[in-house]
Amino acid sequence: MKKFALLCFTFIMSTFAHAADFKEGTDYFVVSKVASKKPEVVEYFSFLCASCYRFEPLVNNLKKTLPSDVTFRKSHTESLGGKVGTELVKAYSLSKLLKTTDVMVPKIFQAIHVTRMPIASMNDIKPLFMDAGVSEKKFNAGLKSFKLKRMVNQMRQDNKRFRITGVPTFIINGKYQVNNQKITSEEQFDKLVNYLVQLKD
């Protein structure tokens, strides 16, 4: 029993010691004075971003480590690709609207970074949705919907709010931004994000 208690104490102390190593201005930045009401992790990304593509496995594993009360979501930026970037914001929003993000996110990433499929408009992206089982009727209706326009505008506003110019960018609780340059391992990334979602003002 004493041995078990000692192990628990050692684990707790090592966790606190690691958390104490995270420093504002070094490992993360404060980007807002007010935190969100509920804990959340937002990844600002672009399908055109090679780093975002490489980060996908880390992001997918991170979601498994987050507490159950923490919301994770993505927000696509228009900062890359000009008109194509705008079309890809629509594509990601449409995947959310049709509840197909789990299938469409890897499909679009692979089309761009692996098969090098040329993408200039939603007409080029349409076959990917069809391949995922989305009917042409639902695809066309989704593109014309007011809800899609609202989702696109919300992403645009979120990107402007945090002045997103580079991706991937991780904003925690609407207040803290991960300093990607200090990330040296997946374990460190997971611990830093989990530290920030629980950080009190």
C-alpha atoms as a PDB file:
ATOM      1  CA  MET A   1       0.000   0.000   0.000  1.00  0.00           C
ATOM      2  CA  LYS A   2       2.827   2.362   0.885  1.00  0.00           C
ATOM      3  CA  LYS A   3       4.547   1.525  -2.392  1.00  0.00           C
ATOM      4  CA  PHE A   4       1.352   2.309  -4.343  1.00  0.00           C
ATOM      5  CA  ALA A   5       0.919   5.629  -2.515  1.00  0.00           C
ATOM      6  CA  LEU A   6       4.521   6.519  -3.267  1.00  0.00           C
ATOM      7  CA  LEU A   7       4.033   5.780  -6.959  1.00  0.00           C
ATOM      8  CA  CYS A   8       0.898   7.964  -7.055  1.00  0.00           C
ATOM      9  CA  PHE A   9       2.716  10.784  -5.293  1.00  0.00           C
ATOM     10  CA  THR A  10       5.646  10.523  -7.716  1.00  0.00           C
ATOM     11  CA  PHE A  11       3.298  10.612 -10.713  1.00  0.00           C
ATOM     12  CA  ILE A  12       1.438  13.667  -9.382  1.00  0.00           C
ATOM     13  CA  MET A  13       4.633  15.529  -8.611  1.00  0.00           C
ATOM     14  CA  SER A  14       6.120  14.747 -12.036  1.00  0.00           C
ATOM     15  CA  THR A  15       2.932  16.049 -13.669  1.00  0.00           C
ATOM     16  CA  PHE A  16       3.096  19.282 -11.675  1.00  0.00           C
ATOM     17  CA  ALA A  17       6.794  19.622 -12.445  1.00  0.00           C
ATOM     18  CA  HIS A  18       6.165  19.243 -16.159  1.00  0.00           C
ATOM     19  CA  ALA A  19       3.280  21.731 -16.067  1.00  0.00           C
ATOM     20  CA  ALA A  20       5.487  24.221 -14.244  1.00  0.00           C
ATOM     21  CA  ASP A  21       7.905  24.028 -17.167  1.00  0.00           C
ATOM     22  CA  PHE A  22       5.339  25.598 -19.522  1.00  0.00           C
ATOM     23  CA  LYS A  23       5.857  29.335 -19.631  1.00  0.00           C
ATOM     24  CA  GLU A  24       3.824  32.162 -21.096  1.00  0.00           C
ATOM     25  CA  GLY A  25       5.706  33.876 -23.895  1.00  0.00           C
ATOM     26  CA  THR A  26       7.798  30.771 -24.497  1.00  0.00           C
ATOM     27  CA  ASP A  27       5.545  27.730 -24.849  1.00  0.00           C
ATOM     28  CA  TYR A  28       2.327  29.663 -25.361  1.00  0.00           C
ATOM     29  CA  PHE A  29       1.005  33.195 -25.829  1.00  0.00           C
ATOM     30  CA  VAL A  30      -1.969  35.026 -24.361  1.00  0.00           C
ATOM     31  CA  VAL A  31      -3.994  36.326 -27.314  1.00  0.00           C
ATOM     32  CA  SER A  32      -7.136  37.494 -25.519  1.00  0.00           C
ATOM     33  CA  LYS A  33      -7.991  38.965 -22.131  1.00  0.00           C
ATOM     34  CA  VAL A  34     -11.147  36.908 -21.785  1.00  0.00           C
ATOM     35  CA  ALA A  35     -11.371  33.123 -21.998  1.00  0.00           C
ATOM     36  CA  SER A  36     -14.294  31.237 -23.518  1.00  0.00           C
ATOM     37  CA  LYS A  37     -17.086  30.182 -21.153  1.00  0.00           C
ATOM     38  CA  LYS A  38     -16.492  26.516 -21.930  1.00  0.00           C
ATOM     39  CA  PRO A  39     -13.115  24.817 -22.448  1.00  0.00           C
ATOM     40  CA  GLU A  40     -12.286  24.309 -26.116  1.00  0.00           C
ATOM     41  CA  VAL A  41      -9.422  23.658 -28.502  1.00  0.00           C
ATOM     42  CA  VAL A  42      -9.634  25.232 -31.958  1.00  0.00           C
ATOM     43  CA  GLU A  43      -7.235  24.318 -34.742  1.00  0.00           C
ATOM     44  CA  TYR A  44      -7.003  26.944 -37.479  1.00  0.00           C
ATOM     45  CA  PHE A  45      -5.860  25.135 -40.596  1.00  0.00           C
ATOM     46  CA  SER A  46      -5.897  24.987 -44.383  1.00  0.00           C
ATOM     47  CA  PHE A  47      -6.145  21.982 -46.673  1.00  0.00           C
ATOM     48  CA  LEU A  48      -3.392  23.652 -48.721  1.00  0.00           C
ATOM     49  CA  CYS A  49      -0.999  23.663 -45.774  1.00  0.00           C
ATOM     50  CA  ALA A  50       1.550  20.820 -45.839  1.00  0.00           C
ATOM     51  CA  SER A  51       2.275  21.296 -42.127  1.00  0.00           C
ATOM     52  CA  CYS A  52      -1.438  20.952 -41.335  1.00  0.00           C
ATOM     53  CA  TYR A  53      -1.462  17.686 -43.280  1.00  0.00           C
ATOM     54  CA  ARG A  54       1.535  16.404 -41.316  1.00  0.00           C
ATOM     55  CA  PHE A  55      -0.090  17.513 -38.031  1.00  0.00           C
ATOM     56  CA  GLU A  56      -3.240  15.454 -38.651  1.00  0.00           C
ATOM     57  CA  PRO A  57      -2.019  12.299 -36.830  1.00  0.00           C
ATOM     58  CA  LEU A  58      -0.997  14.419 -33.821  1.00  0.00           C
ATOM     59  CA  VAL A  59      -4.340  16.212 -33.824  1.00  0.00           C
ATOM     60  CA  ASN A  60      -6.285  12.950 -34.022  1.00  0.00           C
ATOM     61  CA  ASN A  61      -4.329  11.542 -31.080  1.00  0.00           C
ATOM     62  CA  LEU A  62      -4.676  14.784 -29.124  1.00  0.00           C
ATOM     63  CA  LYS A  63      -8.475  14.568 -29.284  1.00  0.00           C
ATOM     64  CA  LYS A  64      -8.295  11.216 -27.475  1.00  0.00           C
ATOM     65  CA  THR A  65      -6.378  12.763 -24.562  1.00  0.00           C
ATOM     66  CA  LEU A  66      -8.690  15.733 -23.959  1.00  0.00           C
ATOM     67  CA  PRO A  67     -11.085  15.691 -20.987  1.00  0.00           C
ATOM     68  CA  SER A  68     -14.689  14.850 -21.882  1.00  0.00           C
ATOM     69  CA  ASP A  69     -15.879  18.416 -21.228  1.00  0.00           C
ATOM     70  CA  VAL A  70     -13.441  19.941 -23.739  1.00  0.00           C
ATOM     71  CA  THR A  71     -14.713  20.677 -27.246  1.00  0.00           C
ATOM     72  CA  PHE A  72     -12.362  20.296 -30.201  1.00  0.00           C
ATOM     73  CA  ARG A  73     -13.107  21.925 -33.542  1.00  0.00           C
ATOM     74  CA  LYS A  74     -11.352  23.025 -36.708  1.00  0.00           C
ATOM     75  CA  SER A  75     -11.650  26.361 -38.489  1.00  0.00           C
ATOM     76  CA  HIS A  76     -10.416  26.684 -42.076  1.00  0.00           C
ATOM     77  CA  THR A  77      -8.566  29.861 -43.027  1.00  0.00           C
ATOM     78  CA  GLU A  78      -8.660  31.776 -46.313  1.00  0.00           C
ATOM     79  CA  SER A  79      -5.132  33.093 -45.805  1.00  0.00           C
ATOM     80  CA  LEU A  80      -3.675  30.566 -48.272  1.00  0.00           C
ATOM     81  CA  GLY A  81      -4.503  30.029 -51.910  1.00  0.00           C
ATOM     82  CA  GLY A  82      -6.581  33.106 -52.750  1.00  0.00           C
ATOM     83  CA  LYS A  83      -9.809  32.005 -54.464  1.00  0.00           C
ATOM     84  CA  VAL A  84      -8.945  28.328 -53.983  1.00  0.00           C
ATOM     85  CA  GLY A  85      -8.597  28.950 -50.248  1.00  0.00           C
ATOM     86  CA  THR A  86     -12.113  30.417 -50.206  1.00  0.00           C
ATOM     87  CA  GLU A  87     -13.468  27.385 -52.066  1.00  0.00           C
ATOM     88  CA  LEU A  88     -11.810  25.070 -49.570  1.00  0.00           C
ATOM     89  CA  VAL A  89     -13.452  26.935 -46.675  1.00  0.00           C
ATOM     90  CA  LYS A  90     -16.767  26.123 -48.367  1.00  0.00           C
ATOM     91  CA  ALA A  91     -15.734  22.503 -48.824  1.00  0.00           C
ATOM     92  CA  TYR A  92     -14.835  22.098 -45.157  1.00  0.00           C
ATOM     93  CA  SER A  93     -18.020  23.875 -44.056  1.00  0.00           C
ATOM     94  CA  LEU A  94     -20.057  21.623 -46.328  1.00  0.00           C
ATOM     95  CA  SER A  95     -18.439  18.543 -44.803  1.00  0.00           C
ATOM     96  CA  LYS A  96     -19.497  19.828 -41.366  1.00  0.00           C
ATOM     97  CA  LEU A  97     -22.996  20.593 -42.573  1.00  0.00           C
ATOM     98  CA  LEU A  98     -23.360  17.095 -44.049  1.00  0.00           C
ATOM     99  CA  LYS A  99     -21.647  15.504 -41.021  1.00  0.00           C
ATOM    100  CA  THR A 100     -18.933  13.914 -43.158  1.00  0.00           C
ATOM    101  CA  THR A 101     -15.795  15.573 -41.749  1.00  0.00           C
ATOM    102  CA  ASP A 102     -14.294  12.281 -40.542  1.00  0.00           C
ATOM    103  CA  VAL A 103     -14.289  11.059 -44.149  1.00  0.00           C
ATOM    104  CA  MET A 104     -13.835  14.287 -46.096  1.00  0.00           C
ATOM    105  CA  VAL A 105     -10.940  15.854 -44.169  1.00  0.00           C
ATOM    106  CA  PRO A 106      -8.507  13.000 -44.931  1.00  0.00           C
ATOM    107  CA  LYS A 107      -9.912  12.695 -48.475  1.00  0.00           C
ATOM    108  CA  ILE A 108      -9.286  16.340 -49.333  1.00  0.00           C
ATOM    109  CA  PHE A 109      -5.870  16.363 -47.655  1.00  0.00           C
ATOM    110  CA  GLN A 110      -4.844  13.273 -49.602  1.00  0.00           C
ATOM    111  CA  ALA A 111      -6.179  14.635 -52.885  1.00  0.00           C
ATOM    112  CA  ILE A 112      -4.078  17.778 -52.487  1.00  0.00           C
ATOM    113  CA  HIS A 113      -0.870  16.459 -50.908  1.00  0.00           C
ATOM    114  CA  VAL A 114      -0.657  12.854 -52.120  1.00  0.00           C
ATOM    115  CA  THR A 115      -2.403  12.468 -55.471  1.00  0.00           C
ATOM    116  CA  ARG A 116      -1.809  16.154 -56.339  1.00  0.00           C
ATOM    117  CA  MET A 117      -5.310  16.553 -57.735  1.00  0.00           C
ATOM    118  CA  PRO A 118      -5.767  20.036 -59.259  1.00  0.00           C
ATOM    119  CA  ILE A 119      -8.415  22.001 -57.367  1.00  0.00           C
ATOM    120  CA  ALA A 120      -9.737  25.337 -58.614  1.00  0.00           C
ATOM    121  CA  SER A 121     -13.399  25.244 -57.619  1.00  0.00           C
ATOM    122  CA  MET A 122     -16.091  23.224 -55.882  1.00  0.00           C
ATOM    123  CA  ASN A 123     -16.641  21.376 -59.178  1.00  0.00           C
ATOM    124  CA  ASP A 124     -13.227  19.774 -58.668  1.00  0.00           C
ATOM    125  CA  ILE A 125     -14.059  18.850 -55.059  1.00  0.00           C
ATOM    126  CA  LYS A 126     -17.529  17.515 -55.878  1.00  0.00           C
ATOM    127  CA  PRO A 127     -16.322  14.029 -56.973  1.00  0.00           C
ATOM    128  CA  LEU A 128     -14.686  13.557 -53.553  1.00  0.00           C
ATOM    129  CA  PHE A 129     -18.040  14.098 -51.848  1.00  0.00           C
ATOM    130  CA  MET A 130     -19.714  11.740 -54.321  1.00  0.00           C
ATOM    131  CA  ASP A 131     -17.057   9.131 -53.557  1.00  0.00           C
ATOM    132  CA  ALA A 132     -17.863   9.548 -49.853  1.00  0.00           C
ATOM    133  CA  GLY A 133     -21.493   8.650 -50.499  1.00  0.00           C
ATOM    134  CA  VAL A 134     -22.978  12.155 -50.636  1.00  0.00           C
ATOM    135  CA  SER A 135     -25.706  12.443 -53.250  1.00  0.00           C
ATOM    136  CA  GLU A 136     -25.517  15.176 -55.869  1.00  0.00           C
ATOM    137  CA  LYS A 137     -28.824  16.520 -54.588  1.00  0.00           C
ATOM    138  CA  LYS A 138     -27.499  16.939 -51.030  1.00  0.00           C
ATOM    139  CA  PHE A 139     -24.243  18.404 -52.309  1.00  0.00           C
ATOM    140  CA  ASN A 140     -25.978  21.058 -54.405  1.00  0.00           C
ATOM    141  CA  ALA A 141     -28.568  21.845 -51.731  1.00  0.00           C
ATOM    142  CA  GLY A 142     -25.851  22.198 -49.102  1.00  0.00           C
ATOM    143  CA  LEU A 143     -23.860  24.631 -51.221  1.00  0.00           C
ATOM    144  CA  LYS A 144     -26.905  26.861 -51.669  1.00  0.00           C
ATOM    145  CA  SER A 145     -28.012  26.746 -48.031  1.00  0.00           C
ATOM    146  CA  PHE A 146     -28.039  29.781 -45.768  1.00  0.00           C
ATOM    147  CA  LYS A 147     -26.555  27.654 -42.991  1.00  0.00           C
ATOM    148  CA  LEU A 148     -23.426  27.030 -45.085  1.00  0.00           C
ATOM    149  CA  LYS A 149     -22.979  30.752 -45.714  1.00  0.00           C
ATOM    150  CA  ARG A 150     -23.337  31.397 -42.001  1.00  0.00           C
ATOM    151  CA  MET A 151     -20.702  28.757 -41.187  1.00  0.00           C
ATOM    152  CA  VAL A 152     -18.273  30.255 -43.720  1.00  0.00           C
ATOM    153  CA  ASN A 153     -18.810  33.749 -42.299  1.00  0.00           C
ATOM    154  CA  GLN A 154     -18.272  32.478 -38.758  1.00  0.00           C
ATOM    155  CA  MET A 155     -14.928  30.944 -39.711  1.00  0.00           C
ATOM    156  CA  ARG A 156     -13.954  34.174 -41.449  1.00  0.00           C
ATOM    157  CA  GLN A 157     -14.788  36.192 -38.320  1.00  0.00           C
ATOM    158  CA  ASP A 158     -12.917  33.772 -36.041  1.00  0.00           C
ATOM    159  CA  ASN A 159      -9.818  34.028 -38.229  1.00  0.00           C
ATOM    160  CA  LYS A 160      -9.965  37.831 -38.165  1.00  0.00           C
ATOM    161  CA  ARG A 161     -10.499  37.888 -34.423  1.00  0.00           C
ATOM    162  CA  PHE A 162      -7.252  36.043 -33.739  1.00  0.00           C
ATOM    163  CA  ARG A 163      -5.445  37.505 -36.767  1.00  0.00           C
ATOM    164  CA  ILE A 164      -4.608  34.080 -38.138  1.00  0.00           C
ATOM    165  CA  THR A 165      -1.879  34.421 -40.766  1.00  0.00           C
ATOM    166  CA  GLY A 166      -0.053  31.108 -40.366  1.00  0.00           C
ATOM    167  CA  VAL A 167      -1.332  27.574 -39.919  1.00  0.00           C
ATOM    168  CA  PRO A 168      -1.702  25.307 -38.131  1.00  0.00           C
ATOM    169  CA  THR A 169      -2.534  27.570 -35.195  1.00  0.00           C
ATOM    170  CA  PHE A 170      -4.017  26.192 -31.983  1.00  0.00           C
ATOM    171  CA  ILE A 171      -6.103  28.499 -29.800  1.00  0.00           C
ATOM    172  CA  ILE A 172      -7.080  27.150 -26.397  1.00  0.00           C
ATOM    173  CA  ASN A 173     -10.142  28.449 -24.520  1.00  0.00           C
ATOM    174  CA  GLY A 174     -10.207  31.467 -26.819  1.00  0.00           C
ATOM    175  CA  LYS A 175      -7.281  32.895 -24.890  1.00  0.00           C
ATOM    176  CA  TYR A 176      -4.055  30.913 -25.309  1.00  0.00           C
ATOM    177  CA  GLN A 177      -2.089  30.135 -28.462  1.00  0.00           C
ATOM    178  CA  VAL A 178       0.355  27.244 -28.663  1.00  0.00           C
ATOM    179  CA  ASN A 179       3.846  28.225 -29.792  1.00  0.00           C
ATOM    180  CA  ASN A 180       4.398  25.561 -32.461  1.00  0.00           C
ATOM    181  CA  GLN A 181       8.102  26.346 -32.682  1.00  0.00           C
ATOM    182  CA  LYS A 182       8.595  24.962 -29.173  1.00  0.00           C
ATOM    183  CA  ILE A 183       6.864  21.645 -29.898  1.00  0.00           C
ATOM    184  CA  THR A 184       9.495  18.889 -29.922  1.00  0.00           C
ATOM    185  CA  SER A 185       7.328  15.776 -29.464  1.00  0.00           C
ATOM    186  CA  GLU A 186       3.748  14.543 -29.597  1.00  0.00           C
ATOM    187  CA  GLU A 187       3.809  13.940 -25.839  1.00  0.00           C
ATOM    188  CA  GLN A 188       4.841  17.536 -25.166  1.00  0.00           C
ATOM    189  CA  PHE A 189       2.124  18.819 -27.512  1.00  0.00           C
ATOM    190  CA  ASP A 190      -0.559  16.761 -25.734  1.00  0.00           C
ATOM    191  CA  LYS A 191       0.597  17.854 -22.271  1.00  0.00           C
ATOM    192  CA  LEU A 192       0.801  21.531 -23.223  1.00  0.00           C
ATOM    193  CA  VAL A 193      -2.701  21.617 -24.714  1.00  0.00           C
ATOM    194  CA  ASN A 194      -4.147  19.714 -21.760  1.00  0.00           C
ATOM    195  CA  TYR A 195      -2.356  22.101 -19.416  1.00  0.00           C
ATOM    196  CA  LEU A 196      -3.820  25.134 -21.197  1.00  0.00           C
ATOM    197  CA  VAL A 197      -7.420  23.867 -21.233  1.00  0.00           C
ATOM    198  CA  GLN A 198      -7.239  23.649 -17.443  1.00  0.00           C
ATOM    199  CA  LEU A 199      -5.288  26.864 -16.896  1.00  0.00           C
ATOM    200  CA  LYS A 200      -7.201  29.279 -14.680  1.00  0.00           C
ATOM    201  CA  ASP A 201      -7.145  33.057 -15.086  1.00  0.00           C
END
